[in-house]
Amino acid sequence: DMRYLRWTYLNEDYYKGVNNTWITDGGMDNIKREL
């Protein structure tokens, strides 16, 4: 979705329930790189 919608920035602090899912499933580093 972020690539399709061309996202530039995202809140690190909210909502942790979603953001932490990306840490658990291993995708967070790539999101950090490509935002």
PDB file of all heavy atoms in Angstrom:
ATOM      1  N   ASP A   1       0.822  -1.210   0.000  1.00  0.00           N
ATOM      2  CA  ASP A   1       0.000   0.000   0.000  1.00  0.00           C
ATOM      3  C   ASP A   1       0.858   1.263   0.000  1.00  0.00           C
ATOM      4  O   ASP A   1       0.559   2.224  -0.715  1.00  0.00           O
ATOM      5  CB  ASP A   1      -0.927   0.002   1.223  1.00  0.00           C
ATOM      6  CG  ASP A   1      -2.299  -0.566   0.904  1.00  0.00           C
ATOM      7  OD1 ASP A   1      -2.348  -1.504   0.085  1.00  0.00           O
ATOM      8  OD2 ASP A   1      -3.298  -0.088   1.465  1.00  0.00           O
ATOM      9  N   MET A   2       1.903   1.268   0.803  1.00  0.00           N
ATOM     10  CA  MET A   2       2.743   2.460   0.866  1.00  0.00           C
ATOM     11  C   MET A   2       3.451   2.714  -0.462  1.00  0.00           C
ATOM     12  O   MET A   2       3.621   3.865  -0.872  1.00  0.00           O
ATOM     13  CB  MET A   2       3.741   2.359   2.018  1.00  0.00           C
ATOM     14  CG  MET A   2       3.098   2.628   3.380  1.00  0.00           C
ATOM     15  SD  MET A   2       4.265   2.812   4.729  1.00  0.00           S
ATOM     16  CE  MET A   2       4.570   1.102   5.144  1.00  0.00           C
ATOM     17  N   ARG A   3       3.848   1.665  -1.140  1.00  0.00           N
ATOM     18  CA  ARG A   3       4.477   1.862  -2.453  1.00  0.00           C
ATOM     19  C   ARG A   3       3.457   2.337  -3.473  1.00  0.00           C
ATOM     20  O   ARG A   3       3.743   3.237  -4.270  1.00  0.00           O
ATOM     21  CB  ARG A   3       5.176   0.583  -2.924  1.00  0.00           C
ATOM     22  CG  ARG A   3       5.916   0.782  -4.243  1.00  0.00           C
ATOM     23  CD  ARG A   3       6.895  -0.306  -4.556  1.00  0.00           C
ATOM     24  NE  ARG A   3       8.024  -0.360  -3.666  1.00  0.00           N
ATOM     25  CZ  ARG A   3       9.046   0.493  -3.685  1.00  0.00           C
ATOM     26  NH1 ARG A   3       9.057   1.490  -4.552  1.00  0.00           N
ATOM     27  NH2 ARG A   3      10.044   0.364  -2.847  1.00  0.00           N
ATOM     28  N   TYR A   4       2.272   1.778  -3.451  1.00  0.00           N
ATOM     29  CA  TYR A   4       1.246   2.181  -4.414  1.00  0.00           C
ATOM     30  C   TYR A   4       0.794   3.622  -4.177  1.00  0.00           C
ATOM     31  O   TYR A   4       0.588   4.400  -5.123  1.00  0.00           O
ATOM     32  CB  TYR A   4       0.047   1.233  -4.319  1.00  0.00           C
ATOM     33  CG  TYR A   4      -1.029   1.519  -5.336  1.00  0.00           C
ATOM     34  CD1 TYR A   4      -0.794   1.352  -6.705  1.00  0.00           C
ATOM     35  CD2 TYR A   4      -2.295   1.956  -4.928  1.00  0.00           C
ATOM     36  CE1 TYR A   4      -1.789   1.620  -7.641  1.00  0.00           C
ATOM     37  CE2 TYR A   4      -3.296   2.218  -5.862  1.00  0.00           C
ATOM     38  CZ  TYR A   4      -3.039   2.045  -7.214  1.00  0.00           C
ATOM     39  OH  TYR A   4      -4.022   2.314  -8.137  1.00  0.00           O
ATOM     40  N   LEU A   5       0.664   3.984  -2.892  1.00  0.00           N
ATOM     41  CA  LEU A   5       0.188   5.322  -2.541  1.00  0.00           C
ATOM     42  C   LEU A   5       1.321   6.343  -2.409  1.00  0.00           C
ATOM     43  O   LEU A   5       1.062   7.528  -2.231  1.00  0.00           O
ATOM     44  CB  LEU A   5      -0.612   5.265  -1.238  1.00  0.00           C
ATOM     45  CG  LEU A   5      -1.838   4.347  -1.261  1.00  0.00           C
ATOM     46  CD1 LEU A   5      -2.469   4.263   0.115  1.00  0.00           C
ATOM     47  CD2 LEU A   5      -2.854   4.821  -2.291  1.00  0.00           C
ATOM     48  N   ARG A   6       2.566   5.871  -2.438  1.00  0.00           N
ATOM     49  CA  ARG A   6       3.770   6.720  -2.471  1.00  0.00           C
ATOM     50  C   ARG A   6       3.983   7.460  -1.145  1.00  0.00           C
ATOM     51  O   ARG A   6       4.197   8.677  -1.098  1.00  0.00           O
ATOM     52  CB  ARG A   6       3.692   7.689  -3.645  1.00  0.00           C
ATOM     53  CG  ARG A   6       3.325   6.973  -4.957  1.00  0.00           C
ATOM     54  CD  ARG A   6       3.443   7.866  -6.154  1.00  0.00           C
ATOM     55  NE  ARG A   6       2.888   7.245  -7.355  1.00  0.00           N
ATOM     56  CZ  ARG A   6       3.452   6.285  -8.083  1.00  0.00           C
ATOM     57  NH1 ARG A   6       4.618   5.797  -7.711  1.00  0.00           N
ATOM     58  NH2 ARG A   6       2.872   5.813  -9.177  1.00  0.00           N
ATOM     59  N   TRP A   7       3.936   6.673  -0.063  1.00  0.00           N
ATOM     60  CA  TRP A   7       4.056   7.255   1.280  1.00  0.00           C
ATOM     61  C   TRP A   7       5.460   7.765   1.553  1.00  0.00           C
ATOM     62  O   TRP A   7       6.459   7.130   1.210  1.00  0.00           O
ATOM     63  CB  TRP A   7       3.641   6.228   2.338  1.00  0.00           C
ATOM     64  CG  TRP A   7       2.174   6.306   2.613  1.00  0.00           C
ATOM     65  CD1 TRP A   7       1.158   6.196   1.711  1.00  0.00           C
ATOM     66  CD2 TRP A   7       1.554   6.530   3.877  1.00  0.00           C
ATOM     67  NE1 TRP A   7      -0.056   6.342   2.333  1.00  0.00           N
ATOM     68  CE2 TRP A   7       0.150   6.544   3.662  1.00  0.00           C
ATOM     69  CE3 TRP A   7       2.041   6.704   5.166  1.00  0.00           C
ATOM     70  CZ2 TRP A   7      -0.766   6.736   4.694  1.00  0.00           C
ATOM     71  CZ3 TRP A   7       1.128   6.892   6.203  1.00  0.00           C
ATOM     72  CH2 TRP A   7      -0.250   6.913   5.956  1.00  0.00           C
ATOM     73  N   THR A   8       5.495   8.904   2.285  1.00  0.00           N
ATOM     74  CA  THR A   8       6.757   9.546   2.631  1.00  0.00           C
ATOM     75  C   THR A   8       7.103   9.421   4.106  1.00  0.00           C
ATOM     76  O   THR A   8       8.264   9.277   4.465  1.00  0.00           O
ATOM     77  CB  THR A   8       6.710  11.038   2.243  1.00  0.00           C
ATOM     78  OG1 THR A   8       6.857  11.142   0.829  1.00  0.00           O
ATOM     79  CG2 THR A   8       7.809  11.835   2.904  1.00  0.00           C
ATOM     80  N   TYR A   9       6.106   9.487   4.984  1.00  0.00           N
ATOM     81  CA  TYR A   9       6.413   9.467   6.418  1.00  0.00           C
ATOM     82  C   TYR A   9       5.311   8.741   7.185  1.00  0.00           C
ATOM     83  O   TYR A   9       4.185   8.575   6.703  1.00  0.00           O
ATOM     84  CB  TYR A   9       6.607  10.885   6.960  1.00  0.00           C
ATOM     85  CG  TYR A   9       5.375  11.758   6.910  1.00  0.00           C
ATOM     86  CD1 TYR A   9       4.380  11.649   7.870  1.00  0.00           C
ATOM     87  CD2 TYR A   9       5.210  12.706   5.908  1.00  0.00           C
ATOM     88  CE1 TYR A   9       3.249  12.441   7.846  1.00  0.00           C
ATOM     89  CE2 TYR A   9       4.074  13.514   5.868  1.00  0.00           C
ATOM     90  CZ  TYR A   9       3.103  13.374   6.834  1.00  0.00           C
ATOM     91  OH  TYR A   9       1.982  14.155   6.808  1.00  0.00           O
ATOM     92  N   LEU A  10       5.645   8.312   8.425  1.00  0.00           N
ATOM     93  CA  LEU A  10       4.722   7.547   9.256  1.00  0.00           C
ATOM     94  C   LEU A  10       5.071   7.752  10.723  1.00  0.00           C
ATOM     95  O   LEU A  10       6.249   7.872  11.085  1.00  0.00           O
ATOM     96  CB  LEU A  10       4.820   6.052   8.911  1.00  0.00           C
ATOM     97  CG  LEU A  10       3.758   5.114   9.500  1.00  0.00           C
ATOM     98  CD1 LEU A  10       2.405   5.372   8.842  1.00  0.00           C
ATOM     99  CD2 LEU A  10       4.160   3.665   9.273  1.00  0.00           C
ATOM    100  N   ASN A  11       4.045   7.783  11.573  1.00  0.00           N
ATOM    101  CA  ASN A  11       4.223   7.935  13.014  1.00  0.00           C
ATOM    102  C   ASN A  11       4.911   6.703  13.599  1.00  0.00           C
ATOM    103  O   ASN A  11       4.430   5.582  13.444  1.00  0.00           O
ATOM    104  CB  ASN A  11       2.858   8.138  13.673  1.00  0.00           C
ATOM    105  CG  ASN A  11       2.951   8.562  15.122  1.00  0.00           C
ATOM    106  OD1 ASN A  11       4.000   8.461  15.749  1.00  0.00           O
ATOM    107  ND2 ASN A  11       1.845   9.021  15.664  1.00  0.00           N
ATOM    108  N   GLU A  12       6.024   6.920  14.289  1.00  0.00           N
ATOM    109  CA  GLU A  12       6.734   5.816  14.932  1.00  0.00           C
ATOM    110  C   GLU A  12       6.023   5.369  16.213  1.00  0.00           C
ATOM    111  O   GLU A  12       6.110   4.202  16.619  1.00  0.00           O
ATOM    112  CB  GLU A  12       8.164   6.235  15.270  1.00  0.00           C
ATOM    113  CG  GLU A  12       8.988   5.125  15.908  1.00  0.00           C
ATOM    114  CD  GLU A  12      10.372   5.564  16.288  1.00  0.00           C
ATOM    115  OE1 GLU A  12      10.510   6.292  17.301  1.00  0.00           O
ATOM    116  OE2 GLU A  12      11.320   5.180  15.586  1.00  0.00           O
ATOM    117  N   ASP A  13       5.283   6.268  16.845  1.00  0.00           N
ATOM    118  CA  ASP A  13       4.750   6.013  18.178  1.00  0.00           C
ATOM    119  C   ASP A  13       3.323   5.479  18.199  1.00  0.00           C
ATOM    120  O   ASP A  13       2.876   4.951  19.222  1.00  0.00           O
ATOM    121  CB  ASP A  13       4.805   7.310  18.998  1.00  0.00           C
ATOM    122  CG  ASP A  13       6.225   7.835  19.135  1.00  0.00           C
ATOM    123  OD1 ASP A  13       7.100   7.038  19.488  1.00  0.00           O
ATOM    124  OD2 ASP A  13       6.452   9.023  18.867  1.00  0.00           O
ATOM    125  N   TYR A  14       2.606   5.614  17.086  1.00  0.00           N
ATOM    126  CA  TYR A  14       1.189   5.236  17.098  1.00  0.00           C
ATOM    127  C   TYR A  14       0.797   4.749  15.702  1.00  0.00           C
ATOM    128  O   TYR A  14       1.184   5.348  14.702  1.00  0.00           O
ATOM    129  CB  TYR A  14       0.334   6.452  17.471  1.00  0.00           C
ATOM    130  CG  TYR A  14      -1.101   6.125  17.769  1.00  0.00           C
ATOM    131  CD1 TYR A  14      -1.489   5.677  19.029  1.00  0.00           C
ATOM    132  CD2 TYR A  14      -2.079   6.274  16.798  1.00  0.00           C
ATOM    133  CE1 TYR A  14      -2.831   5.383  19.308  1.00  0.00           C
ATOM    134  CE2 TYR A  14      -3.418   5.985  17.063  1.00  0.00           C
ATOM    135  CZ  TYR A  14      -3.779   5.542  18.318  1.00  0.00           C
ATOM    136  OH  TYR A  14      -5.089   5.255  18.598  1.00  0.00           O
ATOM    137  N   TYR A  15       0.119   3.633  15.578  1.00  0.00           N
ATOM    138  CA  TYR A  15      -0.403   2.803  16.642  1.00  0.00           C
ATOM    139  C   TYR A  15       0.518   1.597  16.781  1.00  0.00           C
ATOM    140  O   TYR A  15       0.733   0.869  15.812  1.00  0.00           O
ATOM    141  CB  TYR A  15      -1.856   2.404  16.309  1.00  0.00           C
ATOM    142  CG  TYR A  15      -2.456   1.320  17.127  1.00  0.00           C
ATOM    143  CD1 TYR A  15      -2.713   1.500  18.477  1.00  0.00           C
ATOM    144  CD2 TYR A  15      -2.751   0.098  16.557  1.00  0.00           C
ATOM    145  CE1 TYR A  15      -3.283   0.483  19.232  1.00  0.00           C
ATOM    146  CE2 TYR A  15      -3.321  -0.915  17.312  1.00  0.00           C
ATOM    147  CZ  TYR A  15      -3.585  -0.726  18.653  1.00  0.00           C
ATOM    148  OH  TYR A  15      -4.139  -1.720  19.395  1.00  0.00           O
ATOM    149  N   LYS A  16       1.070   1.370  18.000  1.00  0.00           N
ATOM    150  CA  LYS A  16       2.062   0.325  18.200  1.00  0.00           C
ATOM    151  C   LYS A  16       1.521  -1.068  17.891  1.00  0.00           C
ATOM    152  O   LYS A  16       2.267  -1.955  17.476  1.00  0.00           O
ATOM    153  CB  LYS A  16       2.582   0.365  19.645  1.00  0.00           C
ATOM    154  CG  LYS A  16       3.469   1.546  19.963  1.00  0.00           C
ATOM    155  CD  LYS A  16       4.813   1.468  19.246  1.00  0.00           C
ATOM    156  CE  LYS A  16       5.781   2.533  19.737  1.00  0.00           C
ATOM    157  NZ  LYS A  16       7.077   2.468  19.016  1.00  0.00           N
ATOM    158  N   GLY A  17       0.213  -1.261  18.096  1.00  0.00           N
ATOM    159  CA  GLY A  17      -0.361  -2.566  17.824  1.00  0.00           C
ATOM    160  C   GLY A  17      -0.196  -2.996  16.372  1.00  0.00           C
ATOM    161  O   GLY A  17      -0.073  -4.190  16.071  1.00  0.00           O
ATOM    162  N   VAL A  18      -0.189  -2.030  15.462  1.00  0.00           N
ATOM    163  CA  VAL A  18       0.057  -2.327  14.048  1.00  0.00           C
ATOM    164  C   VAL A  18       1.547  -2.290  13.745  1.00  0.00           C
ATOM    165  O   VAL A  18       2.106  -3.216  13.139  1.00  0.00           O
ATOM    166  CB  VAL A  18      -0.698  -1.329  13.149  1.00  0.00           C
ATOM    167  CG1 VAL A  18      -0.312  -1.536  11.677  1.00  0.00           C
ATOM    168  CG2 VAL A  18      -2.204  -1.505  13.312  1.00  0.00           C
ATOM    169  N   ASN A  19       2.211  -1.229  14.189  1.00  0.00           N
ATOM    170  CA  ASN A  19       3.644  -1.093  13.885  1.00  0.00           C
ATOM    171  C   ASN A  19       4.457  -2.266  14.402  1.00  0.00           C
ATOM    172  O   ASN A  19       5.397  -2.737  13.737  1.00  0.00           O
ATOM    173  CB  ASN A  19       4.180   0.206  14.485  1.00  0.00           C
ATOM    174  CG  ASN A  19       3.591   1.446  13.835  1.00  0.00           C
ATOM    175  OD1 ASN A  19       2.654   1.348  13.040  1.00  0.00           O
ATOM    176  ND2 ASN A  19       4.130   2.608  14.152  1.00  0.00           N
ATOM    177  N   ASN A  20       4.102  -2.769  15.585  1.00  0.00           N
ATOM    178  CA  ASN A  20       4.855  -3.888  16.147  1.00  0.00           C
ATOM    179  C   ASN A  20       4.660  -5.173  15.356  1.00  0.00           C
ATOM    180  O   ASN A  20       5.519  -6.071  15.382  1.00  0.00           O
ATOM    181  CB  ASN A  20       4.460  -4.109  17.607  1.00  0.00           C
ATOM    182  CG  ASN A  20       4.986  -3.017  18.525  1.00  0.00           C
ATOM    183  OD1 ASN A  20       5.861  -2.242  18.143  1.00  0.00           O
ATOM    184  ND2 ASN A  20       4.449  -2.935  19.733  1.00  0.00           N
ATOM    185  N   THR A  21       3.527  -5.283  14.658  1.00  0.00           N
ATOM    186  CA  THR A  21       3.315  -6.444  13.788  1.00  0.00           C
ATOM    187  C   THR A  21       4.396  -6.521  12.724  1.00  0.00           C
ATOM    188  O   THR A  21       4.862  -7.608  12.361  1.00  0.00           O
ATOM    189  CB  THR A  21       1.926  -6.353  13.115  1.00  0.00           C
ATOM    190  OG1 THR A  21       0.920  -6.364  14.122  1.00  0.00           O
ATOM    191  CG2 THR A  21       1.688  -7.518  12.164  1.00  0.00           C
ATOM    192  N   TRP A  22       4.815  -5.366  12.235  1.00  0.00           N
ATOM    193  CA  TRP A  22       5.837  -5.337  11.180  1.00  0.00           C
ATOM    194  C   TRP A  22       7.208  -5.725  11.714  1.00  0.00           C
ATOM    195  O   TRP A  22       8.027  -6.267  10.964  1.00  0.00           O
ATOM    196  CB  TRP A  22       5.893  -3.950  10.547  1.00  0.00           C
ATOM    197  CG  TRP A  22       4.549  -3.463  10.062  1.00  0.00           C
ATOM    198  CD1 TRP A  22       3.453  -4.228   9.762  1.00  0.00           C
ATOM    199  CD2 TRP A  22       4.159  -2.118   9.838  1.00  0.00           C
ATOM    200  NE1 TRP A  22       2.406  -3.445   9.366  1.00  0.00           N
ATOM    201  CE2 TRP A  22       2.805  -2.137   9.395  1.00  0.00           C
ATOM    202  CE3 TRP A  22       4.800  -0.891   9.951  1.00  0.00           C
ATOM    203  CZ2 TRP A  22       2.107  -0.976   9.077  1.00  0.00           C
ATOM    204  CZ3 TRP A  22       4.103   0.270   9.630  1.00  0.00           C
ATOM    205  CH2 TRP A  22       2.769   0.218   9.197  1.00  0.00           C
ATOM    206  N   ILE A  23       7.435  -5.454  12.990  1.00  0.00           N
ATOM    207  CA  ILE A  23       8.687  -5.916  13.609  1.00  0.00           C
ATOM    208  C   ILE A  23       8.659  -7.433  13.741  1.00  0.00           C
ATOM    209  O   ILE A  23       9.619  -8.129  13.386  1.00  0.00           O
ATOM    210  CB  ILE A  23       8.877  -5.253  14.991  1.00  0.00           C
ATOM    211  CG1 ILE A  23       8.990  -3.734  14.850  1.00  0.00           C
ATOM    212  CG2 ILE A  23      10.120  -5.817  15.682  1.00  0.00           C
ATOM    213  CD1 ILE A  23       9.016  -2.991  16.173  1.00  0.00           C
ATOM    214  N   THR A  24       7.537  -7.945  14.217  1.00  0.00           N
ATOM    215  CA  THR A  24       7.404  -9.387  14.443  1.00  0.00           C
ATOM    216  C   THR A  24       7.532 -10.178  13.149  1.00  0.00           C
ATOM    217  O   THR A  24       8.186 -11.229  13.109  1.00  0.00           O
ATOM    218  CB  THR A  24       6.049  -9.705  15.107  1.00  0.00           C
ATOM    219  OG1 THR A  24       5.952  -8.980  16.337  1.00  0.00           O
ATOM    220  CG2 THR A  24       5.917 -11.188  15.379  1.00  0.00           C
ATOM    221  N   ASP A  25       6.911  -9.691  12.069  1.00  0.00           N
ATOM    222  CA  ASP A  25       6.942 -10.471  10.823  1.00  0.00           C
ATOM    223  C   ASP A  25       8.158 -10.164   9.944  1.00  0.00           C
ATOM    224  O   ASP A  25       8.288 -10.682   8.839  1.00  0.00           O
ATOM    225  CB  ASP A  25       5.637 -10.328  10.041  1.00  0.00           C
ATOM    226  CG  ASP A  25       5.425  -8.953   9.413  1.00  0.00           C
ATOM    227  OD1 ASP A  25       6.389  -8.190   9.264  1.00  0.00           O
ATOM    228  OD2 ASP A  25       4.265  -8.652   9.051  1.00  0.00           O
ATOM    229  N   GLY A  26       9.057  -9.307  10.440  1.00  0.00           N
ATOM    230  CA  GLY A  26      10.341  -9.113   9.761  1.00  0.00           C
ATOM    231  C   GLY A  26      10.368  -8.061   8.671  1.00  0.00           C
ATOM    232  O   GLY A  26      11.378  -7.935   7.967  1.00  0.00           O
ATOM    233  N   GLY A  27       9.310  -7.264   8.527  1.00  0.00           N
ATOM    234  CA  GLY A  27       9.284  -6.290   7.446  1.00  0.00           C
ATOM    235  C   GLY A  27       9.643  -4.872   7.828  1.00  0.00           C
ATOM    236  O   GLY A  27       9.765  -4.005   6.962  1.00  0.00           O
ATOM    237  N   MET A  28       9.831  -4.615   9.128  1.00  0.00           N
ATOM    238  CA  MET A  28      10.026  -3.243   9.571  1.00  0.00           C
ATOM    239  C   MET A  28      11.284  -2.596   8.990  1.00  0.00           C
ATOM    240  O   MET A  28      11.272  -1.419   8.585  1.00  0.00           O
ATOM    241  CB  MET A  28      10.075  -3.175  11.094  1.00  0.00           C
ATOM    242  CG  MET A  28      10.302  -1.772  11.642  1.00  0.00           C
ATOM    243  SD  MET A  28       9.010  -0.587  11.141  1.00  0.00           S
ATOM    244  CE  MET A  28       7.835  -0.805  12.467  1.00  0.00           C
ATOM    245  N   ASP A  29      12.380  -3.334   8.912  1.00  0.00           N
ATOM    246  CA  ASP A  29      13.617  -2.742   8.392  1.00  0.00           C
ATOM    247  C   ASP A  29      13.445  -2.250   6.963  1.00  0.00           C
ATOM    248  O   ASP A  29      13.950  -1.182   6.596  1.00  0.00           O
ATOM    249  CB  ASP A  29      14.764  -3.741   8.459  1.00  0.00           C
ATOM    250  CG  ASP A  29      15.351  -3.873   9.859  1.00  0.00           C
ATOM    251  OD1 ASP A  29      14.927  -3.116  10.756  1.00  0.00           O
ATOM    252  OD2 ASP A  29      16.223  -4.735  10.063  1.00  0.00           O
ATOM    253  N   ASN A  30      12.743  -3.018   6.163  1.00  0.00           N
ATOM    254  CA  ASN A  30      12.540  -2.591   4.780  1.00  0.00           C
ATOM    255  C   ASN A  30      11.660  -1.347   4.706  1.00  0.00           C
ATOM    256  O   ASN A  30      11.896  -0.458   3.884  1.00  0.00           O
ATOM    257  CB  ASN A  30      11.918  -3.712   3.944  1.00  0.00           C
ATOM    258  CG  ASN A  30      12.185  -3.535   2.473  1.00  0.00           C
ATOM    259  OD1 ASN A  30      13.335  -3.413   2.048  1.00  0.00           O
ATOM    260  ND2 ASN A  30      11.132  -3.483   1.675  1.00  0.00           N
ATOM    261  N   ILE A  31      10.657  -1.263   5.576  1.00  0.00           N
ATOM    262  CA  ILE A  31       9.821  -0.066   5.623  1.00  0.00           C
ATOM    263  C   ILE A  31      10.653   1.144   6.033  1.00  0.00           C
ATOM    264  O   ILE A  31      10.519   2.233   5.450  1.00  0.00           O
ATOM    265  CB  ILE A  31       8.630  -0.278   6.579  1.00  0.00           C
ATOM    266  CG1 ILE A  31       7.672  -1.330   5.997  1.00  0.00           C
ATOM    267  CG2 ILE A  31       7.885   1.025   6.838  1.00  0.00           C
ATOM    268  CD1 ILE A  31       6.569  -1.753   6.936  1.00  0.00           C
ATOM    269  N   LYS A  32      11.520   0.975   7.019  1.00  0.00           N
ATOM    270  CA  LYS A  32      12.398   2.072   7.438  1.00  0.00           C
ATOM    271  C   LYS A  32      13.289   2.545   6.296  1.00  0.00           C
ATOM    272  O   LYS A  32      13.535   3.740   6.133  1.00  0.00           O
ATOM    273  CB  LYS A  32      13.265   1.642   8.625  1.00  0.00           C
ATOM    274  CG  LYS A  32      12.518   1.518   9.936  1.00  0.00           C
ATOM    275  CD  LYS A  32      13.463   1.115  11.055  1.00  0.00           C
ATOM    276  CE  LYS A  32      12.738   1.058  12.397  1.00  0.00           C
ATOM    277  NZ  LYS A  32      13.652   0.680  13.510  1.00  0.00           N
ATOM    278  N   ARG A  33      13.778   1.583   5.506  1.00  0.00           N
ATOM    279  CA  ARG A  33      14.643   1.946   4.384  1.00  0.00           C
ATOM    280  C   ARG A  33      13.900   2.701   3.289  1.00  0.00           C
ATOM    281  O   ARG A  33      14.422   3.650   2.709  1.00  0.00           O
ATOM    282  CB  ARG A  33      15.284   0.692   3.779  1.00  0.00           C
ATOM    283  CG  ARG A  33      16.564   0.225   4.430  1.00  0.00           C
ATOM    284  CD  ARG A  33      17.215  -0.886   3.626  1.00  0.00           C
ATOM    285  NE  ARG A  33      16.448  -2.120   3.716  1.00  0.00           N
ATOM    286  CZ  ARG A  33      16.682  -3.094   4.605  1.00  0.00           C
ATOM    287  NH1 ARG A  33      17.661  -2.954   5.476  1.00  0.00           N
ATOM    288  NH2 ARG A  33      15.950  -4.182   4.620  1.00  0.00           N
ATOM    289  N   GLU A  34      12.670   2.277   2.998  1.00  0.00           N
ATOM    290  CA  GLU A  34      12.030   2.716   1.755  1.00  0.00           C
ATOM    291  C   GLU A  34      10.914   3.739   1.923  1.00  0.00           C
ATOM    292  O   GLU A  34      10.381   4.235   0.925  1.00  0.00           O
ATOM    293  CB  GLU A  34      11.528   1.491   0.986  1.00  0.00           C
ATOM    294  CG  GLU A  34      12.669   0.570   0.589  1.00  0.00           C
ATOM    295  CD  GLU A  34      12.248  -0.587  -0.292  1.00  0.00           C
ATOM    296  OE1 GLU A  34      11.053  -0.683  -0.638  1.00  0.00           O
ATOM    297  OE2 GLU A  34      13.113  -1.405  -0.633  1.00  0.00           O
ATOM    298  N   LEU A  35      10.543   4.083   3.151  1.00  0.00           N
ATOM    299  CA  LEU A  35       9.591   5.176   3.344  1.00  0.00           C
ATOM    300  C   LEU A  35      10.169   6.439   2.704  1.00  0.00           C
ATOM    301  O   LEU A  35      11.305   6.826   2.980  1.00  0.00           O
ATOM    302  CB  LEU A  35       9.357   5.428   4.826  1.00  0.00           C
ATOM    303  CG  LEU A  35       8.061   4.908   5.447  1.00  0.00           C
ATOM    304  CD1 LEU A  35       8.070   5.155   6.948  1.00  0.00           C
ATOM    305  CD2 LEU A  35       6.826   5.526   4.810  1.00  0.00           C
TER     306      LEU A  35
END
